[in-house]
């Protein structure tokens, strides 16, 4: 498998015609990107920021080509979206065929087979062998919000428990569920009520708490501040995304799920960022055999097209009255065609196993940097992060993370930051990226740290 992903430039089932090699033709940003940034400033709302001041012209494999001809190594995947590549041949072909048939009818008016086929695939792939139902939406935030609606309809309760460092979206309800104020919540309140926050298991900062102990701490807060009788749902990312790629200690998630079952609370896994092979399993919950009542998916589900889903136990999903779930564009036929092609690609091209290979390579290279400012290397599969701190302390070093990311950008490597304190570098490469590109990117990162 590894050899298949070394360095190719011909179209294959997971490849691309774009040369898989970092190459800088201009300084970053180049003149054409600077021109477009000036136009952006005059036409686009100031609140819409960008990580890098370059404009994409093409992308595929592990490379993004900008409008000045620079070939940038992609360690972001559009924030974990282009898992199967940004121009995957199967996805492109499926979308072309669908767009020629029809682009939209609205599933709630005249339904179509693609929606049903995606729901069937999610019922097959998501954790658990119980009877399931699925509803499709457009964005991760929209799906999270609908999961809460479904849990409330099923339980007749109103409260929702979430966790420190969580990120669940930018709608009013999901902003309330999200922990970080700037830039996601600042100035946008008041927020939806009945959302309560519990402490997460954060092994790097927990002082040695086991998963079971951390779960006990969290459940104590939930029981005392909310009460199980008032709680509709516990919503958690199995590995946090924007919060810093925090992976709870073993046993934390199973303990939460067990408590929810015992108390009639809906256990919701937000797998928007962790789903669809990203972590080296189909879903991050699979790692410990956790079976959520509802699972929320988006991002990597459809190869870059907007699609999200809530999948869960039939008796919970069917608690909502007819017409209570939906939306004009939810489960758009183009996105459904893309999703089926992306799922086929993951299965046919062994991308679950490939994610594990990527994780092993990245972890080995990052630990090999042996820098005292690297406090923690964590994550699974193609979802790896380093937390940067001041040497010999746990003090977050956000300035260093920002500087390293900027230096990597100048050298042609797309790197994202995250974390409540802004001190985490996260790596989310397409699972179609070559080993050669990953090694080159890690070389650049090492240079950026030393600089």
Protein backbone atom coordinates (compact mmCIF):
# COMPACT_ATOMS: atom_id res chain seq x y z
CA UNK A 1 0.00 0.00 0.00
CA UNK A 2 2.70 2.49 0.97
CA UNK A 3 4.46 2.24 -2.38
CA UNK A 4 1.24 3.15 -4.17
CA UNK A 5 1.30 6.50 -2.41
CA UNK A 6 4.96 7.49 -2.87
CA UNK A 7 4.96 10.10 -5.61
CA UNK A 8 2.84 9.92 -8.73
CA UNK A 9 1.67 12.33 -11.41
CA UNK A 10 -0.63 10.19 -13.54
CA UNK A 11 -4.36 9.85 -12.94
CA UNK A 12 -5.20 6.72 -10.94
CA UNK A 13 -8.14 5.85 -8.75
CA UNK A 14 -6.69 8.06 -6.03
CA UNK A 15 -4.20 10.10 -8.03
CA UNK A 16 -4.15 13.31 -10.03
CA UNK A 17 -2.46 14.85 -13.04
CA UNK A 18 -1.00 17.55 -10.80
CA UNK A 19 2.67 16.94 -10.18
CA UNK A 20 3.02 15.79 -6.59
CA UNK A 21 5.93 17.99 -5.62
CA UNK A 22 6.30 21.21 -3.63
CA UNK A 23 7.44 24.01 -5.93
CA UNK A 24 7.54 27.78 -5.45
CA UNK A 25 7.46 29.96 -8.55
CA UNK A 26 7.00 33.22 -6.61
CA UNK A 27 7.13 34.50 -3.08
CA UNK A 28 4.04 33.64 -1.01
CA UNK A 29 1.76 35.37 -1.83
CA UNK A 30 2.49 35.91 -5.50
CA UNK A 31 1.36 38.89 -7.58
CA UNK A 32 -1.89 37.34 -8.83
CA UNK A 33 -2.88 36.30 -5.28
CA UNK A 34 -2.09 39.79 -4.00
CA UNK A 35 -4.33 41.25 -6.69
CA UNK A 36 -7.16 38.91 -5.73
CA UNK A 37 -6.70 39.66 -2.03
CA UNK A 38 -7.15 43.34 -2.84
CA UNK A 39 -10.39 42.51 -4.65
CA UNK A 40 -11.49 40.36 -1.68
CA UNK A 41 -10.94 43.29 0.67
CA UNK A 42 -13.20 45.47 -1.46
CA UNK A 43 -15.96 42.91 -2.02
CA UNK A 44 -16.02 40.31 0.79
CA UNK A 45 -17.11 40.98 4.37
CA UNK A 46 -14.17 41.60 6.70
CA UNK A 47 -15.40 38.87 9.05
CA UNK A 48 -14.55 36.22 6.46
CA UNK A 49 -10.85 35.58 7.12
CA UNK A 50 -8.33 33.32 5.40
CA UNK A 51 -5.47 31.23 6.75
CA UNK A 52 -3.20 31.97 3.81
CA UNK A 53 -3.24 34.96 1.41
CA UNK A 54 -3.12 32.74 -1.68
CA UNK A 55 -5.89 31.79 -4.09
CA UNK A 56 -6.30 28.22 -5.31
CA UNK A 57 -6.41 27.39 -9.00
CA UNK A 58 -6.27 23.57 -8.83
CA UNK A 59 -5.79 20.81 -6.29
CA UNK A 60 -5.33 17.06 -6.19
CA UNK A 61 -3.48 14.36 -4.32
CA UNK A 62 -1.55 16.23 -1.66
CA UNK A 63 -0.99 19.47 -3.60
CA UNK A 64 -2.83 22.78 -3.94
CA UNK A 65 -1.74 24.89 -6.92
CA UNK A 66 -2.27 28.62 -6.50
CA UNK A 67 -3.01 31.21 -9.19
CA UNK A 68 0.70 32.07 -9.43
CA UNK A 69 1.68 28.48 -10.17
CA UNK A 70 3.04 27.65 -6.72
CA UNK A 71 2.60 24.00 -5.69
CA UNK A 72 1.76 23.89 -1.96
CA UNK A 73 1.74 20.75 0.19
CA UNK A 74 -1.74 20.39 1.63
CA UNK A 75 -1.79 19.41 5.31
CA UNK A 76 -5.27 20.85 5.84
CA UNK A 77 -7.65 19.16 3.37
CA UNK A 78 -9.91 22.22 3.52
CA UNK A 79 -10.25 21.46 7.26
CA UNK A 80 -10.64 17.68 6.94
CA UNK A 81 -13.01 17.81 3.96
CA UNK A 82 -11.05 16.54 0.94
CA UNK A 83 -10.15 13.23 2.55
CA UNK A 84 -10.24 11.40 -0.80
CA UNK A 85 -8.46 14.26 -2.59
CA UNK A 86 -9.70 17.61 -3.89
CA UNK A 87 -10.29 16.33 -7.43
CA UNK A 88 -10.97 12.66 -6.89
CA UNK A 89 -11.80 11.00 -10.22
CA UNK A 90 -14.71 8.93 -8.88
CA UNK A 91 -16.27 11.94 -7.18
CA UNK A 92 -15.82 14.18 -10.24
CA UNK A 93 -17.34 11.56 -12.54
CA UNK A 94 -20.33 10.95 -10.25
CA UNK A 95 -21.06 14.66 -9.92
CA UNK A 96 -20.81 15.21 -13.69
CA UNK A 97 -23.29 12.42 -14.33
CA UNK A 98 -25.70 13.74 -11.71
CA UNK A 99 -25.54 17.37 -12.83
CA UNK A 100 -26.51 16.26 -16.33
CA UNK A 101 -29.53 14.42 -14.94
CA UNK A 102 -30.79 17.10 -12.52
CA UNK A 103 -29.28 19.43 -9.93
CA UNK A 104 -32.21 19.79 -7.53
CA UNK A 105 -35.80 18.81 -6.94
CA UNK A 106 -35.85 19.01 -3.10
CA UNK A 107 -36.10 15.61 -1.42
CA UNK A 108 -39.15 16.81 0.51
CA UNK A 109 -41.00 17.49 -2.77
CA UNK A 110 -39.96 14.79 -5.24
CA UNK A 111 -37.43 12.46 -3.61
CA UNK A 112 -34.59 10.66 -5.42
CA UNK A 113 -32.63 7.46 -4.96
CA UNK A 114 -29.27 9.07 -4.12
CA UNK A 115 -30.54 10.34 -0.75
CA UNK A 116 -31.83 6.89 0.16
CA UNK A 117 -28.58 5.24 -0.97
CA UNK A 118 -26.50 7.56 1.23
CA UNK A 119 -28.77 6.81 4.21
CA UNK A 120 -28.36 3.08 3.54
CA UNK A 121 -24.57 3.43 3.35
CA UNK A 122 -24.46 5.34 6.64
CA UNK A 123 -26.64 2.71 8.30
CA UNK A 124 -24.13 0.07 7.18
CA UNK A 125 -20.93 1.96 8.09
CA UNK A 126 -21.69 3.76 11.36
CA UNK A 127 -21.07 1.97 14.68
CA UNK A 128 -23.57 -0.60 15.92
CA UNK A 129 -25.73 -3.26 14.28
CA UNK A 130 -29.07 -1.89 15.53
CA UNK A 131 -31.78 -0.62 13.19
CA UNK A 132 -30.91 2.92 12.07
CA UNK A 133 -32.38 5.92 10.31
CA UNK A 134 -30.64 8.91 8.73
CA UNK A 135 -31.55 12.51 7.89
CA UNK A 136 -29.33 14.58 5.57
CA UNK A 137 -28.45 18.26 5.89
CA UNK A 138 -25.85 20.69 4.52
CA UNK A 139 -23.28 21.58 7.21
CA UNK A 140 -21.88 20.09 10.37
CA UNK A 141 -23.45 22.77 12.52
CA UNK A 142 -26.84 22.15 10.95
CA UNK A 143 -26.54 18.44 11.65
CA UNK A 144 -25.48 19.00 15.28
CA UNK A 145 -28.44 21.29 15.80
CA UNK A 146 -30.80 18.69 14.35
CA UNK A 147 -29.29 15.97 16.54
CA UNK A 148 -30.23 18.09 19.56
CA UNK A 149 -33.74 18.58 18.17
CA UNK A 150 -34.10 14.81 17.72
CA UNK A 151 -32.80 14.07 21.22
CA UNK A 152 -35.22 16.58 22.73
CA UNK A 153 -38.16 15.12 20.80
CA UNK A 154 -37.25 11.60 21.91
CA UNK A 155 -36.66 12.35 25.60
CA UNK A 156 -39.05 15.23 26.22
CA UNK A 157 -36.18 16.96 28.04
CA UNK A 158 -34.43 20.22 27.22
CA UNK A 159 -30.89 20.32 28.60
CA UNK A 160 -27.74 19.51 26.65
CA UNK A 161 -24.30 18.74 28.09
CA UNK A 162 -21.11 19.53 26.17
CA UNK A 163 -17.43 19.74 27.12
CA UNK A 164 -14.52 22.07 27.68
CA UNK A 165 -12.68 23.03 24.46
CA UNK A 166 -15.60 21.78 22.30
CA UNK A 167 -16.37 23.10 18.84
CA UNK A 168 -19.78 22.28 17.36
CA UNK A 169 -20.49 25.10 14.90
CA UNK A 170 -21.48 28.72 14.29
CA UNK A 171 -25.30 28.72 14.43
CA UNK A 172 -26.88 30.22 17.53
CA UNK A 173 -27.39 26.87 19.28
CA UNK A 174 -24.03 25.45 18.25
CA UNK A 175 -22.24 28.66 19.27
CA UNK A 176 -23.68 28.05 22.74
CA UNK A 177 -22.27 24.52 22.56
CA UNK A 178 -18.87 25.73 21.33
CA UNK A 179 -16.39 26.66 24.07
CA UNK A 180 -14.04 29.19 22.47
CA UNK A 181 -15.19 32.79 22.47
CA UNK A 182 -12.89 34.46 19.92
CA UNK A 183 -13.51 34.31 17.03
CA UNK A 184 -16.58 32.06 17.18
CA UNK A 185 -18.84 33.62 19.81
CA UNK A 186 -17.54 37.08 20.69
CA UNK A 187 -20.18 39.75 20.13
CA UNK A 188 -22.85 37.35 18.83
CA UNK A 189 -24.89 36.60 21.97
CA UNK A 190 -27.24 36.04 23.64
CA UNK A 191 -27.05 32.32 22.95
CA UNK A 192 -29.51 29.47 23.22
CA UNK A 193 -30.21 28.42 26.83
CA UNK A 194 -30.04 25.01 28.53
CA UNK A 195 -26.48 24.21 27.38
CA UNK A 196 -24.13 23.09 30.15
CA UNK A 197 -20.39 22.46 30.05
CA UNK A 198 -18.46 19.65 31.74
CA UNK A 199 -14.70 19.04 32.07
CA UNK A 200 -13.11 16.91 29.37
CA UNK A 201 -10.45 14.26 29.72
CA UNK A 202 -7.29 16.05 28.51
CA UNK A 203 -4.39 13.68 29.21
CA UNK A 204 -1.63 16.24 28.58
CA UNK A 205 -3.11 18.58 31.20
CA UNK A 206 -5.02 16.22 33.52
CA UNK A 207 -2.20 15.34 35.89
CA UNK A 208 -2.48 11.61 35.24
CA UNK A 209 -6.26 11.16 35.54
CA UNK A 210 -7.42 7.92 33.96
CA UNK A 211 -10.30 7.93 31.52
CA UNK A 212 -12.63 6.46 34.14
CA UNK A 213 -11.57 9.06 36.71
CA UNK A 214 -12.02 11.92 34.25
CA UNK A 215 -15.45 10.56 33.31
CA UNK A 216 -16.41 10.43 36.97
CA UNK A 217 -15.39 14.07 37.35
CA UNK A 218 -17.44 15.11 34.31
CA UNK A 219 -20.51 13.11 35.31
CA UNK A 220 -20.38 14.53 38.82
CA UNK A 221 -20.64 18.03 37.33
CA UNK A 222 -23.47 16.98 35.02
CA UNK A 223 -25.45 15.27 37.77
CA UNK A 224 -25.07 18.17 40.20
CA UNK A 225 -25.49 21.09 37.80
CA UNK A 226 -28.05 19.65 35.39
CA UNK A 227 -29.50 16.36 36.64
CA UNK A 228 -30.06 13.32 34.45
CA UNK A 229 -33.83 13.77 34.61
CA UNK A 230 -33.48 17.12 32.80
CA UNK A 231 -30.86 16.06 30.25
CA UNK A 232 -31.78 15.31 26.65
CA UNK A 233 -28.28 14.65 25.30
CA UNK A 234 -24.57 14.49 25.95
CA UNK A 235 -22.77 15.73 22.83
CA UNK A 236 -19.04 15.10 22.41
CA UNK A 237 -16.36 14.96 19.74
CA UNK A 238 -14.53 11.61 20.19
CA UNK A 239 -11.36 13.52 19.35
CA UNK A 240 -11.79 17.27 19.50
CA UNK A 241 -11.13 19.30 16.37
CA UNK A 242 -10.84 23.05 16.77
CA UNK A 243 -10.39 22.53 20.52
CA UNK A 244 -6.89 21.16 19.95
CA UNK A 245 -7.16 17.55 18.72
CA UNK A 246 -7.63 16.50 22.34
CA UNK A 247 -8.05 12.72 22.54
CA UNK A 248 -9.68 11.62 25.81
CA UNK A 249 -7.92 8.97 27.88
CA UNK A 250 -9.03 5.36 27.23
CA UNK A 251 -12.23 4.56 29.03
CA UNK A 252 -13.62 8.11 29.08
CA UNK A 253 -16.01 7.74 26.15
CA UNK A 254 -17.26 4.26 27.14
CA UNK A 255 -18.01 5.50 30.65
CA UNK A 256 -20.03 8.45 29.32
CA UNK A 257 -21.95 6.22 26.90
CA UNK A 258 -22.72 3.71 29.68
CA UNK A 259 -24.01 6.45 31.99
CA UNK A 260 -26.22 7.83 29.20
CA UNK A 261 -27.76 4.40 28.57
CA UNK A 262 -28.45 3.92 32.27
CA UNK A 263 -30.14 7.32 32.55
CA UNK A 264 -32.13 7.53 29.32
CA UNK A 265 -29.89 10.29 27.94
CA UNK A 266 -29.07 10.35 24.21
CA UNK A 267 -25.33 9.96 23.61
CA UNK A 268 -24.38 11.99 20.53
CA UNK A 269 -20.99 11.59 18.85
CA UNK A 270 -20.02 14.66 16.81
CA UNK A 271 -17.82 12.99 14.17
CA UNK A 272 -17.91 15.91 11.76
CA UNK A 273 -14.10 16.12 11.72
CA UNK A 274 -13.18 12.59 12.82
CA UNK A 275 -15.43 10.58 10.50
CA UNK A 276 -14.87 8.79 7.21
CA UNK A 277 -11.47 7.14 7.73
CA UNK A 278 -9.80 10.27 9.08
CA UNK A 279 -8.55 8.65 12.31
CA UNK A 280 -7.63 5.24 10.89
CA UNK A 281 -11.07 3.77 11.56
CA UNK A 282 -14.26 4.51 9.69
CA UNK A 283 -15.30 6.52 12.75
CA UNK A 284 -13.31 7.54 15.81
CA UNK A 285 -15.85 5.81 18.09
CA UNK A 286 -14.81 2.49 16.56
CA UNK A 287 -11.45 2.66 18.34
CA UNK A 288 -12.98 1.74 21.71
CA UNK A 289 -16.10 0.06 20.38
CA UNK A 290 -18.33 2.93 21.50
CA UNK A 291 -21.79 2.83 19.90
CA UNK A 292 -23.45 6.26 20.02
CA UNK A 293 -27.20 6.67 19.96
CA UNK A 294 -26.79 9.40 17.31
CA UNK A 295 -23.73 10.13 15.20
CA UNK A 296 -23.24 13.42 13.35
CA UNK A 297 -21.16 13.45 10.16
CA UNK A 298 -20.11 16.03 7.56
CA UNK A 299 -16.78 17.32 6.14
CA UNK A 300 -15.17 14.18 4.63
CA UNK A 301 -18.53 12.64 3.76
CA UNK A 302 -18.80 13.96 0.19
CA UNK A 303 -15.37 14.74 -1.25
CA UNK A 304 -15.76 18.50 -0.92
CA UNK A 305 -19.47 19.02 -1.59
CA UNK A 306 -21.69 20.33 1.21
CA UNK A 307 -23.44 17.44 2.95
CA UNK A 308 -24.01 16.36 6.53
CA UNK A 309 -26.02 13.70 8.30
CA UNK A 310 -27.51 12.55 11.55
CA UNK A 311 -27.65 8.76 11.80
CA UNK A 312 -28.97 6.89 14.79
CA UNK A 313 -31.20 4.41 16.49
CA UNK A 314 -34.49 4.06 14.64
CA UNK A 315 -36.64 4.63 17.73
CA UNK A 316 -34.83 7.91 18.47
CA UNK A 317 -34.69 9.21 14.91
CA UNK A 318 -38.35 8.37 14.32
CA UNK A 319 -39.48 10.29 17.41
CA UNK A 320 -39.76 13.48 15.33
CA UNK A 321 -43.10 14.22 13.69
CA UNK A 322 -43.37 14.16 9.87
CA UNK A 323 -42.07 17.42 8.44
CA UNK A 324 -40.04 18.20 11.55
CA UNK A 325 -36.71 17.46 9.85
CA UNK A 326 -35.48 18.70 6.50
CA UNK A 327 -34.45 21.77 4.56
CA UNK A 328 -34.52 22.97 0.99
CA UNK A 329 -31.02 21.77 0.09
CA UNK A 330 -30.55 18.96 2.62
CA UNK A 331 -29.25 15.88 0.84
CA UNK A 332 -28.76 17.72 -2.46
CA UNK A 333 -28.49 15.17 -5.31
CA UNK A 334 -25.02 16.36 -6.38
CA UNK A 335 -23.71 16.00 -2.82
CA UNK A 336 -25.31 12.56 -2.49
CA UNK A 337 -23.64 11.38 -5.70
CA UNK A 338 -20.32 12.70 -4.41
CA UNK A 339 -20.80 10.97 -1.06
CA UNK A 340 -21.44 7.59 -2.62
CA UNK A 341 -18.32 8.00 -4.76
CA UNK A 342 -16.23 9.11 -1.78
CA UNK A 343 -17.38 6.09 0.26
CA UNK A 344 -16.55 3.81 -2.67
CA UNK A 345 -13.09 5.37 -2.91
CA UNK A 346 -12.37 4.89 0.79
CA UNK A 347 -13.42 1.24 0.56
CA UNK A 348 -11.83 0.36 -2.78
CA UNK A 349 -8.53 2.19 -2.27
CA UNK A 350 -7.85 1.13 1.31
CA UNK A 351 -7.89 4.64 2.75
CA UNK A 352 -8.71 3.48 6.28
CA UNK A 353 -5.42 1.60 6.36
CA UNK A 354 -3.71 4.48 4.58
CA UNK A 355 -4.79 6.83 7.38
CA UNK A 356 -2.98 4.61 9.87
CA UNK A 357 0.17 4.71 7.75
CA UNK A 358 0.00 8.49 7.60
CA UNK A 359 -0.45 8.67 11.36
CA UNK A 360 2.58 6.47 11.99
CA UNK A 361 4.74 8.53 9.63
CA UNK A 362 3.68 11.88 11.08
CA UNK A 363 4.03 10.76 14.69
CA UNK A 364 7.49 9.34 14.05
CA UNK A 365 8.72 12.49 12.32
CA UNK A 366 7.17 14.85 14.89
CA UNK A 367 8.55 12.96 17.89
CA UNK A 368 11.89 12.85 16.12
CA UNK A 369 12.09 16.65 16.16
CA UNK A 370 13.03 16.37 19.86
CA UNK A 371 12.25 20.00 20.57
CA UNK A 372 11.54 20.99 24.21
CA UNK A 373 8.81 23.33 23.00
CA UNK A 374 6.80 20.35 21.71
CA UNK A 375 4.76 19.51 24.78
CA UNK A 376 2.61 16.81 23.26
CA UNK A 377 2.18 14.86 20.03
CA UNK A 378 -1.28 13.32 19.80
CA UNK A 379 -4.10 12.13 17.59
CA UNK A 380 -4.78 9.12 15.41
CA UNK A 381 -4.43 8.34 11.73
CA UNK A 382 -4.57 11.36 9.47
CA UNK A 383 -5.53 13.60 12.40
CA UNK A 384 -2.32 14.45 14.26
CA UNK A 385 -1.32 17.51 16.27
CA UNK A 386 1.55 18.99 18.25
CA UNK A 387 0.89 21.21 21.26
CA UNK A 388 3.55 23.89 21.66
CA UNK A 389 4.51 25.16 25.10
CA UNK A 390 7.28 27.15 26.73
CA UNK A 391 10.14 24.75 27.55
CA UNK A 392 9.77 22.71 30.74
CA UNK A 393 6.27 24.05 31.41
CA UNK A 394 2.66 23.47 30.40
CA UNK A 395 2.30 27.16 29.47
CA UNK A 396 0.75 27.44 25.98
CA UNK A 397 2.90 29.19 23.37
CA UNK A 398 0.43 30.57 20.85
CA UNK A 399 2.98 33.00 19.43
CA UNK A 400 5.29 30.12 18.52
CA UNK A 401 2.47 28.18 16.85
CA UNK A 402 1.54 31.24 14.81
CA UNK A 403 5.16 31.88 13.81
CA UNK A 404 5.83 28.27 12.83
CA UNK A 405 2.65 28.11 10.75
CA UNK A 406 3.55 31.37 9.01
CA UNK A 407 7.08 30.14 8.27
CA UNK A 408 5.68 26.89 6.85
CA UNK A 409 3.26 28.87 4.68
CA UNK A 410 6.12 30.93 3.26
CA UNK A 411 7.90 27.70 2.33
CA UNK A 412 4.86 26.24 0.58
CA UNK A 413 3.24 24.04 3.25
CA UNK A 414 -0.38 24.57 4.31
CA UNK A 415 -0.56 24.08 8.09
CA UNK A 416 -3.49 24.93 10.36
CA UNK A 417 -3.49 25.99 14.00
CA UNK A 418 -6.14 25.23 16.62
CA UNK A 419 -6.69 24.87 20.36
CA UNK A 420 -8.42 26.95 22.97
CA UNK A 421 -5.12 28.77 23.52
CA UNK A 422 -4.14 28.82 19.83
CA UNK A 423 -0.96 26.85 20.54
CA UNK A 424 -1.63 23.66 18.58
CA UNK A 425 -0.48 22.82 15.05
CA UNK A 426 -2.83 20.33 13.40
CA UNK A 427 -2.20 18.07 10.44
CA UNK A 428 -5.12 16.86 8.30
CA UNK A 429 -3.59 15.77 4.98
CA UNK A 430 -5.70 14.19 2.26
CA UNK A 431 -5.43 10.43 2.63
CA UNK A 432 -4.27 10.35 -0.99
CA UNK A 433 -1.09 12.27 -0.17
CA UNK A 434 2.26 10.61 -0.91
CA UNK A 435 4.88 9.67 1.66
CA UNK A 436 7.38 11.87 -0.19
CA UNK A 437 5.20 14.94 0.32
CA UNK A 438 4.70 14.14 4.00
CA UNK A 439 8.44 13.81 4.56
CA UNK A 440 9.08 17.06 2.67
CA UNK A 441 6.44 18.84 4.77
CA UNK A 442 7.97 17.53 8.00
CA UNK A 443 11.39 18.75 6.84
CA UNK A 444 9.88 22.19 6.29
CA UNK A 445 8.21 22.09 9.71
CA UNK A 446 11.52 21.24 11.34
CA UNK A 447 13.18 24.15 9.57
CA UNK A 448 10.36 26.45 10.65
CA UNK A 449 10.74 25.39 14.30
CA UNK A 450 14.47 25.91 14.24
CA UNK A 451 14.01 29.33 12.65
